[in-house]
Amino acid sequence: MSLSFFNTHTLAGRLEMIWAHGTYLAERGRRGYRIQLYDMGEFFAEVWSNPETNIIGLIRGLATKRALEPYTNHINLVDMMCW
């Protein structure tokens, strides 16, 4: 799946694609939101939700590796390795 295909879908459609094809990587907080990061194969996706209501306000695909910098303290690469 490509990022451009992902971006053509509604919020609900993107969430379904994440549930079907995404691999959870990490979580962070910002401005009162819980932000979860998923590996989608060719790109990464963030799910922004309100932790008090669990309402999802934003789902976005990330095209650059620089967008992953906020997660560097939250991801343990050893846990991702298959030994």
PDB file of N, CA and C in Angstrom:
ATOM      1  N   MET A   1       0.841  -1.167   0.000  1.00  0.00           N
ATOM      2  CA  MET A   1       0.000   0.000   0.000  1.00  0.00           C
ATOM      3  C   MET A   1       0.891   1.237   0.000  1.00  0.00           C
ATOM      4  N   SER A   2       0.500   2.227  -0.747  1.00  0.00           N
ATOM      5  CA  SER A   2       1.288   3.457  -0.832  1.00  0.00           C
ATOM      6  C   SER A   2       0.679   4.540   0.056  1.00  0.00           C
ATOM      7  N   LEU A   3       1.487   5.517   0.378  1.00  0.00           N
ATOM      8  CA  LEU A   3       1.014   6.634   1.181  1.00  0.00           C
ATOM      9  C   LEU A   3      -0.074   7.416   0.447  1.00  0.00           C
ATOM     10  N   SER A   4       0.074   7.596  -0.848  1.00  0.00           N
ATOM     11  CA  SER A   4      -0.944   8.341  -1.603  1.00  0.00           C
ATOM     12  C   SER A   4      -2.291   7.602  -1.593  1.00  0.00           C
ATOM     13  N   PHE A   5      -2.286   6.270  -1.691  1.00  0.00           N
ATOM     14  CA  PHE A   5      -3.518   5.490  -1.597  1.00  0.00           C
ATOM     15  C   PHE A   5      -4.133   5.645  -0.209  1.00  0.00           C
ATOM     16  N   PHE A   6      -3.318   5.549   0.832  1.00  0.00           N
ATOM     17  CA  PHE A   6      -3.769   5.704   2.206  1.00  0.00           C
ATOM     18  C   PHE A   6      -4.442   7.059   2.402  1.00  0.00           C
ATOM     19  N   ASN A   7      -3.839   8.098   1.862  1.00  0.00           N
ATOM     20  CA  ASN A   7      -4.341   9.453   2.060  1.00  0.00           C
ATOM     21  C   ASN A   7      -5.637   9.751   1.319  1.00  0.00           C
ATOM     22  N   THR A   8      -6.031   8.917   0.370  1.00  0.00           N
ATOM     23  CA  THR A   8      -7.282   9.155  -0.360  1.00  0.00           C
ATOM     24  C   THR A   8      -8.505   8.704   0.427  1.00  0.00           C
ATOM     25  N   HIS A   9      -8.301   8.013   1.530  1.00  0.00           N
ATOM     26  CA  HIS A   9      -9.414   7.466   2.309  1.00  0.00           C
ATOM     27  C   HIS A   9      -9.841   8.377   3.454  1.00  0.00           C
ATOM     28  N   THR A  10     -11.037   8.143   3.922  1.00  0.00           N
ATOM     29  CA  THR A  10     -11.571   8.886   5.063  1.00  0.00           C
ATOM     30  C   THR A  10     -10.842   8.473   6.336  1.00  0.00           C
ATOM     31  N   LEU A  11     -11.114   9.172   7.403  1.00  0.00           N
ATOM     32  CA  LEU A  11     -10.539   8.847   8.705  1.00  0.00           C
ATOM     33  C   LEU A  11     -10.866   7.397   9.081  1.00  0.00           C
ATOM     34  N   ALA A  12     -12.115   7.005   8.904  1.00  0.00           N
ATOM     35  CA  ALA A  12     -12.529   5.635   9.215  1.00  0.00           C
ATOM     36  C   ALA A  12     -11.823   4.621   8.320  1.00  0.00           C
ATOM     37  N   GLY A  13     -11.669   4.946   7.045  1.00  0.00           N
ATOM     38  CA  GLY A  13     -10.979   4.054   6.119  1.00  0.00           C
ATOM     39  C   GLY A  13      -9.514   3.886   6.481  1.00  0.00           C
ATOM     40  N   ARG A  14      -8.865   4.977   6.868  1.00  0.00           N
ATOM     41  CA  ARG A  14      -7.466   4.899   7.278  1.00  0.00           C
ATOM     42  C   ARG A  14      -7.313   4.045   8.534  1.00  0.00           C
ATOM     43  N   LEU A  15      -8.241   4.206   9.468  1.00  0.00           N
ATOM     44  CA  LEU A  15      -8.185   3.415  10.697  1.00  0.00           C
ATOM     45  C   LEU A  15      -8.344   1.928  10.391  1.00  0.00           C
ATOM     46  N   GLU A  16      -9.230   1.587   9.497  1.00  0.00           N
ATOM     47  CA  GLU A  16      -9.402   0.182   9.096  1.00  0.00           C
ATOM     48  C   GLU A  16      -8.128  -0.372   8.476  1.00  0.00           C
ATOM     49  N   MET A  17      -7.461   0.425   7.644  1.00  0.00           N
ATOM     50  CA  MET A  17      -6.207  -0.025   7.027  1.00  0.00           C
ATOM     51  C   MET A  17      -5.123  -0.239   8.080  1.00  0.00           C
ATOM     52  N   ILE A  18      -5.076   0.636   9.077  1.00  0.00           N
ATOM     53  CA  ILE A  18      -4.096   0.467  10.154  1.00  0.00           C
ATOM     54  C   ILE A  18      -4.382  -0.800  10.934  1.00  0.00           C
ATOM     55  N   TRP A  19      -5.629  -1.046  11.263  1.00  0.00           N
ATOM     56  CA  TRP A  19      -5.975  -2.267  11.999  1.00  0.00           C
ATOM     57  C   TRP A  19      -5.645  -3.518  11.193  1.00  0.00           C
ATOM     58  N   ALA A  20      -5.868  -3.458   9.881  1.00  0.00           N
ATOM     59  CA  ALA A  20      -5.642  -4.629   9.030  1.00  0.00           C
ATOM     60  C   ALA A  20      -4.175  -4.848   8.684  1.00  0.00           C
ATOM     61  N   HIS A  21      -3.411  -3.764   8.489  1.00  0.00           N
ATOM     62  CA  HIS A  21      -2.063  -3.901   7.946  1.00  0.00           C
ATOM     63  C   HIS A  21      -0.954  -3.282   8.791  1.00  0.00           C
ATOM     64  N   GLY A  22      -1.320  -2.520   9.804  1.00  0.00           N
ATOM     65  CA  GLY A  22      -0.319  -1.805  10.588  1.00  0.00           C
ATOM     66  C   GLY A  22       0.279  -2.627  11.713  1.00  0.00           C
ATOM     67  N   THR A  23       1.501  -2.290  12.059  1.00  0.00           N
ATOM     68  CA  THR A  23       2.193  -2.884  13.206  1.00  0.00           C
ATOM     69  C   THR A  23       2.487  -1.763  14.191  1.00  0.00           C
ATOM     70  N   TYR A  24       1.939  -1.896  15.394  1.00  0.00           N
ATOM     71  CA  TYR A  24       2.137  -0.870  16.417  1.00  0.00           C
ATOM     72  C   TYR A  24       3.611  -0.792  16.793  1.00  0.00           C
ATOM     73  N   LEU A  25       4.135   0.448  16.893  1.00  0.00           N
ATOM     74  CA  LEU A  25       5.535   0.650  17.248  1.00  0.00           C
ATOM     75  C   LEU A  25       5.728   1.403  18.554  1.00  0.00           C
ATOM     76  N   ALA A  26       5.008   2.497  18.738  1.00  0.00           N
ATOM     77  CA  ALA A  26       5.275   3.336  19.909  1.00  0.00           C
ATOM     78  C   ALA A  26       4.108   4.286  20.145  1.00  0.00           C
ATOM     79  N   GLU A  27       4.177   4.949  21.302  1.00  0.00           N
ATOM     80  CA  GLU A  27       3.172   5.936  21.676  1.00  0.00           C
ATOM     81  C   GLU A  27       3.862   7.120  22.338  1.00  0.00           C
ATOM     82  N   ARG A  28       3.307   8.299  22.108  1.00  0.00           N
ATOM     83  CA  ARG A  28       3.808   9.511  22.753  1.00  0.00           C
ATOM     84  C   ARG A  28       2.626  10.421  23.022  1.00  0.00           C
ATOM     85  N   GLY A  29       2.862  11.463  23.772  1.00  0.00           N
ATOM     86  CA  GLY A  29       1.827  12.438  24.048  1.00  0.00           C
ATOM     87  C   GLY A  29       2.247  13.811  23.563  1.00  0.00           C
ATOM     88  N   ARG A  30       1.244  14.610  23.197  1.00  0.00           N
ATOM     89  CA  ARG A  30       1.508  15.988  22.784  1.00  0.00           C
ATOM     90  C   ARG A  30       0.213  16.786  22.850  1.00  0.00           C
ATOM     91  N   ARG A  31       0.283  17.911  23.558  1.00  0.00           N
ATOM     92  CA  ARG A  31      -0.849  18.841  23.650  1.00  0.00           C
ATOM     93  C   ARG A  31      -2.161  18.159  24.021  1.00  0.00           C
ATOM     94  N   GLY A  32      -2.095  17.243  24.947  1.00  0.00           N
ATOM     95  CA  GLY A  32      -3.295  16.562  25.414  1.00  0.00           C
ATOM     96  C   GLY A  32      -3.760  15.405  24.560  1.00  0.00           C
ATOM     97  N   TYR A  33      -3.003  15.052  23.527  1.00  0.00           N
ATOM     98  CA  TYR A  33      -3.355  13.920  22.661  1.00  0.00           C
ATOM     99  C   TYR A  33      -2.455  12.726  22.948  1.00  0.00           C
ATOM    100  N   ARG A  34      -2.997  11.544  22.751  1.00  0.00           N
ATOM    101  CA  ARG A  34      -2.214  10.311  22.727  1.00  0.00           C
ATOM    102  C   ARG A  34      -1.961  10.030  21.248  1.00  0.00           C
ATOM    103  N   ILE A  35      -0.695   9.852  20.885  1.00  0.00           N
ATOM    104  CA  ILE A  35      -0.328   9.659  19.479  1.00  0.00           C
ATOM    105  C   ILE A  35       0.357   8.305  19.356  1.00  0.00           C
ATOM    106  N   GLN A  36      -0.249   7.415  18.581  1.00  0.00           N
ATOM    107  CA  GLN A  36       0.292   6.071  18.386  1.00  0.00           C
ATOM    108  C   GLN A  36       0.894   5.967  16.987  1.00  0.00           C
ATOM    109  N   LEU A  37       2.066   5.347  16.924  1.00  0.00           N
ATOM    110  CA  LEU A  37       2.795   5.191  15.667  1.00  0.00           C
ATOM    111  C   LEU A  37       2.686   3.752  15.174  1.00  0.00           C
ATOM    112  N   TYR A  38       2.392   3.608  13.878  1.00  0.00           N
ATOM    113  CA  TYR A  38       2.266   2.287  13.250  1.00  0.00           C
ATOM    114  C   TYR A  38       3.156   2.207  12.011  1.00  0.00           C
ATOM    115  N   ASP A  39       3.756   1.049  11.814  1.00  0.00           N
ATOM    116  CA  ASP A  39       4.507   0.751  10.588  1.00  0.00           C
ATOM    117  C   ASP A  39       3.516   0.191   9.582  1.00  0.00           C
ATOM    118  N   MET A  40       3.434   0.832   8.413  1.00  0.00           N
ATOM    119  CA  MET A  40       2.506   0.401   7.374  1.00  0.00           C
ATOM    120  C   MET A  40       3.230  -0.242   6.189  1.00  0.00           C
ATOM    121  N   GLY A  41       4.482  -0.594   6.374  1.00  0.00           N
ATOM    122  CA  GLY A  41       5.255  -1.207   5.295  1.00  0.00           C
ATOM    123  C   GLY A  41       6.077  -0.179   4.547  1.00  0.00           C
ATOM    124  N   GLU A  42       5.438   0.599   3.684  1.00  0.00           N
ATOM    125  CA  GLU A  42       6.142   1.604   2.885  1.00  0.00           C
ATOM    126  C   GLU A  42       6.160   2.980   3.543  1.00  0.00           C
ATOM    127  N   PHE A  43       5.429   3.156   4.614  1.00  0.00           N
ATOM    128  CA  PHE A  43       5.362   4.436   5.322  1.00  0.00           C
ATOM    129  C   PHE A  43       4.920   4.170   6.760  1.00  0.00           C
ATOM    130  N   PHE A  44       4.856   5.226   7.535  1.00  0.00           N
ATOM    131  CA  PHE A  44       4.386   5.126   8.912  1.00  0.00           C
ATOM    132  C   PHE A  44       3.108   5.938   9.046  1.00  0.00           C
ATOM    133  N   ALA A  45       2.292   5.600  10.040  1.00  0.00           N
ATOM    134  CA  ALA A  45       1.049   6.332  10.268  1.00  0.00           C
ATOM    135  C   ALA A  45       0.923   6.664  11.749  1.00  0.00           C
ATOM    136  N   GLU A  46       0.359   7.840  12.014  1.00  0.00           N
ATOM    137  CA  GLU A  46       0.077   8.264  13.374  1.00  0.00           C
ATOM    138  C   GLU A  46      -1.427   8.326  13.576  1.00  0.00           C
ATOM    139  N   VAL A  47      -1.870   7.883  14.757  1.00  0.00           N
ATOM    140  CA  VAL A  47      -3.268   8.001  15.165  1.00  0.00           C
ATOM    141  C   VAL A  47      -3.296   8.920  16.381  1.00  0.00           C
ATOM    142  N   TRP A  48      -3.934  10.081  16.237  1.00  0.00           N
ATOM    143  CA  TRP A  48      -4.051  11.066  17.308  1.00  0.00           C
ATOM    144  C   TRP A  48      -5.421  10.911  17.950  1.00  0.00           C
ATOM    145  N   SER A  49      -5.445  10.646  19.263  1.00  0.00           N
ATOM    146  CA  SER A  49      -6.723  10.499  19.953  1.00  0.00           C
ATOM    147  C   SER A  49      -6.699  11.233  21.293  1.00  0.00           C
ATOM    148  N   ASN A  50      -7.891  11.573  21.756  1.00  0.00           N
ATOM    149  CA  ASN A  50      -8.056  12.205  23.060  1.00  0.00           C
ATOM    150  C   ASN A  50      -8.096  11.093  24.100  1.00  0.00           C
ATOM    151  N   PRO A  51      -7.157  11.058  25.054  1.00  0.00           N
ATOM    152  CA  PRO A  51      -7.138   9.953  26.022  1.00  0.00           C
ATOM    153  C   PRO A  51      -8.323   9.952  26.977  1.00  0.00           C
ATOM    154  N   GLU A  52      -8.985  11.083  27.149  1.00  0.00           N
ATOM    155  CA  GLU A  52     -10.141  11.141  28.045  1.00  0.00           C
ATOM    156  C   GLU A  52     -11.408  10.598  27.391  1.00  0.00           C
ATOM    157  N   THR A  53     -11.555  10.817  26.089  1.00  0.00           N
ATOM    158  CA  THR A  53     -12.767  10.399  25.387  1.00  0.00           C
ATOM    159  C   THR A  53     -12.535   9.248  24.414  1.00  0.00           C
ATOM    160  N   ASN A  54     -11.273   8.965  24.105  1.00  0.00           N
ATOM    161  CA  ASN A  54     -10.893   7.963  23.096  1.00  0.00           C
ATOM    162  C   ASN A  54     -11.403   8.305  21.701  1.00  0.00           C
ATOM    163  N   ILE A  55     -11.705   9.572  21.460  1.00  0.00           N
ATOM    164  CA  ILE A  55     -12.130  10.009  20.130  1.00  0.00           C
ATOM    165  C   ILE A  55     -10.886  10.311  19.295  1.00  0.00           C
ATOM    166  N   ILE A  56     -10.864   9.743  18.090  1.00  0.00           N
ATOM    167  CA  ILE A  56      -9.745   9.955  17.175  1.00  0.00           C
ATOM    168  C   ILE A  56      -9.978  11.246  16.411  1.00  0.00           C
ATOM    169  N   GLY A  57      -9.009  12.143  16.490  1.00  0.00           N
ATOM    170  CA  GLY A  57      -9.126  13.433  15.825  1.00  0.00           C
ATOM    171  C   GLY A  57      -8.348  13.536  14.537  1.00  0.00           C
ATOM    172  N   LEU A  58      -7.301  12.694  14.394  1.00  0.00           N
ATOM    173  CA  LEU A  58      -6.441  12.799  13.228  1.00  0.00           C
ATOM    174  C   LEU A  58      -5.738  11.471  12.987  1.00  0.00           C
ATOM    175  N   ILE A  59      -5.644  11.097  11.727  1.00  0.00           N
ATOM    176  CA  ILE A  59      -4.810   9.976  11.306  1.00  0.00           C
ATOM    177  C   ILE A  59      -4.021  10.482  10.113  1.00  0.00           C
ATOM    178  N   ARG A  60      -2.698  10.405  10.226  1.00  0.00           N
ATOM    179  CA  ARG A  60      -1.886  10.907   9.131  1.00  0.00           C
ATOM    180  C   ARG A  60      -0.750   9.953   8.804  1.00  0.00           C
ATOM    181  N   GLY A  61      -0.411   9.908   7.530  1.00  0.00           N
ATOM    182  CA  GLY A  61       0.722   9.132   7.073  1.00  0.00           C
ATOM    183  C   GLY A  61       1.973   9.984   7.097  1.00  0.00           C
ATOM    184  N   LEU A  62       3.093   9.361   7.411  1.00  0.00           N
ATOM    185  CA  LEU A  62       4.366  10.070   7.497  1.00  0.00           C
ATOM    186  C   LEU A  62       5.286   9.594   6.380  1.00  0.00           C
ATOM    187  N   ALA A  63       5.734  10.540   5.572  1.00  0.00           N
ATOM    188  CA  ALA A  63       6.540  10.188   4.405  1.00  0.00           C
ATOM    189  C   ALA A  63       8.037  10.248   4.667  1.00  0.00           C
ATOM    190  N   THR A  64       8.470  10.986   5.685  1.00  0.00           N
ATOM    191  CA  THR A  64       9.897  11.155   5.922  1.00  0.00           C
ATOM    192  C   THR A  64      10.326  10.516   7.230  1.00  0.00           C
ATOM    193  N   LYS A  65      11.558  10.079   7.266  1.00  0.00           N
ATOM    194  CA  LYS A  65      12.094   9.485   8.494  1.00  0.00           C
ATOM    195  C   LYS A  65      12.273  10.536   9.582  1.00  0.00           C
ATOM    196  N   ARG A  66      12.422  11.770   9.194  1.00  0.00           N
ATOM    197  CA  ARG A  66      12.557  12.846  10.177  1.00  0.00           C
ATOM    198  C   ARG A  66      11.320  12.945  11.073  1.00  0.00           C
ATOM    199  N   ALA A  67      10.165  12.588  10.532  1.00  0.00           N
ATOM    200  CA  ALA A  67       8.928  12.616  11.311  1.00  0.00           C
ATOM    201  C   ALA A  67       8.949  11.611  12.453  1.00  0.00           C
ATOM    202  N   LEU A  68       9.892  10.675  12.416  1.00  0.00           N
ATOM    203  CA  LEU A  68       9.993   9.654  13.470  1.00  0.00           C
ATOM    204  C   LEU A  68      10.806  10.125  14.676  1.00  0.00           C
ATOM    205  N   GLU A  69      11.480  11.261  14.560  1.00  0.00           N
ATOM    206  CA  GLU A  69      12.344  11.733  15.645  1.00  0.00           C
ATOM    207  C   GLU A  69      11.649  11.837  17.000  1.00  0.00           C
ATOM    208  N   PRO A  70      10.391  12.272  17.087  1.00  0.00           N
ATOM    209  CA  PRO A  70       9.754  12.339  18.410  1.00  0.00           C
ATOM    210  C   PRO A  70       9.612  10.980  19.105  1.00  0.00           C
ATOM    211  N   TYR A  71       9.787   9.903  18.359  1.00  0.00           N
ATOM    212  CA  TYR A  71       9.617   8.562  18.915  1.00  0.00           C
ATOM    213  C   TYR A  71      10.929   7.890  19.310  1.00  0.00           C
ATOM    214  N   THR A  72      12.047   8.500  19.033  1.00  0.00           N
ATOM    215  CA  THR A  72      13.332   7.820  19.245  1.00  0.00           C
ATOM    216  C   THR A  72      13.552   7.397  20.687  1.00  0.00           C
ATOM    217  N   ASN A  73      12.988   8.106  21.634  1.00  0.00           N
ATOM    218  CA  ASN A  73      13.128   7.718  23.040  1.00  0.00           C
ATOM    219  C   ASN A  73      12.112   6.674  23.466  1.00  0.00           C
ATOM    220  N   HIS A  74      11.152   6.348  22.610  1.00  0.00           N
ATOM    221  CA  HIS A  74      10.066   5.444  22.964  1.00  0.00           C
ATOM    222  C   HIS A  74      10.156   4.076  22.300  1.00  0.00           C
ATOM    223  N   ILE A  75      11.063   3.920  21.340  1.00  0.00           N
ATOM    224  CA  ILE A  75      11.156   2.671  20.596  1.00  0.00           C
ATOM    225  C   ILE A  75      12.410   1.913  21.036  1.00  0.00           C
ATOM    226  N   ASN A  76      12.226   0.656  21.392  1.00  0.00           N
ATOM    227  CA  ASN A  76      13.333  -0.223  21.734  1.00  0.00           C
ATOM    228  C   ASN A  76      13.556  -1.162  20.553  1.00  0.00           C
ATOM    229  N   LEU A  77      14.607  -0.927  19.805  1.00  0.00           N
ATOM    230  CA  LEU A  77      14.857  -1.730  18.602  1.00  0.00           C
ATOM    231  C   LEU A  77      15.142  -3.191  18.928  1.00  0.00           C
ATOM    232  N   VAL A  78      15.674  -3.488  20.082  1.00  0.00           N
ATOM    233  CA  VAL A  78      15.949  -4.877  20.471  1.00  0.00           C
ATOM    234  C   VAL A  78      14.634  -5.656  20.528  1.00  0.00           C
ATOM    235  N   ASP A  79      13.571  -5.019  21.021  1.00  0.00           N
ATOM    236  CA  ASP A  79      12.275  -5.681  21.091  1.00  0.00           C
ATOM    237  C   ASP A  79      11.709  -6.010  19.713  1.00  0.00           C
ATOM    238  N   MET A  80      12.175  -5.305  18.684  1.00  0.00           N
ATOM    239  CA  MET A  80      11.662  -5.504  17.331  1.00  0.00           C
ATOM    240  C   MET A  80      12.441  -6.573  16.561  1.00  0.00           C
ATOM    241  N   MET A  81      13.551  -7.026  17.111  1.00  0.00           N
ATOM    242  CA  MET A  81      14.407  -7.997  16.419  1.00  0.00           C
ATOM    243  C   MET A  81      13.874  -9.428  16.631  1.00  0.00           C
ATOM    244  N   CYS A  82      13.956 -10.204  15.609  1.00  0.00           N
ATOM    245  CA  CYS A  82      13.616 -11.633  15.700  1.00  0.00           C
ATOM    246  C   CYS A  82      14.929 -12.414  15.824  1.00  0.00           C
ATOM    247  N   TRP A  83      15.172 -12.989  16.952  1.00  0.00           N
ATOM    248  CA  TRP A  83      16.430 -13.708  17.200  1.00  0.00           C
ATOM    249  C   TRP A  83      16.300 -15.141  16.817  1.00  0.00           C
TER     250      TRP A  83
END
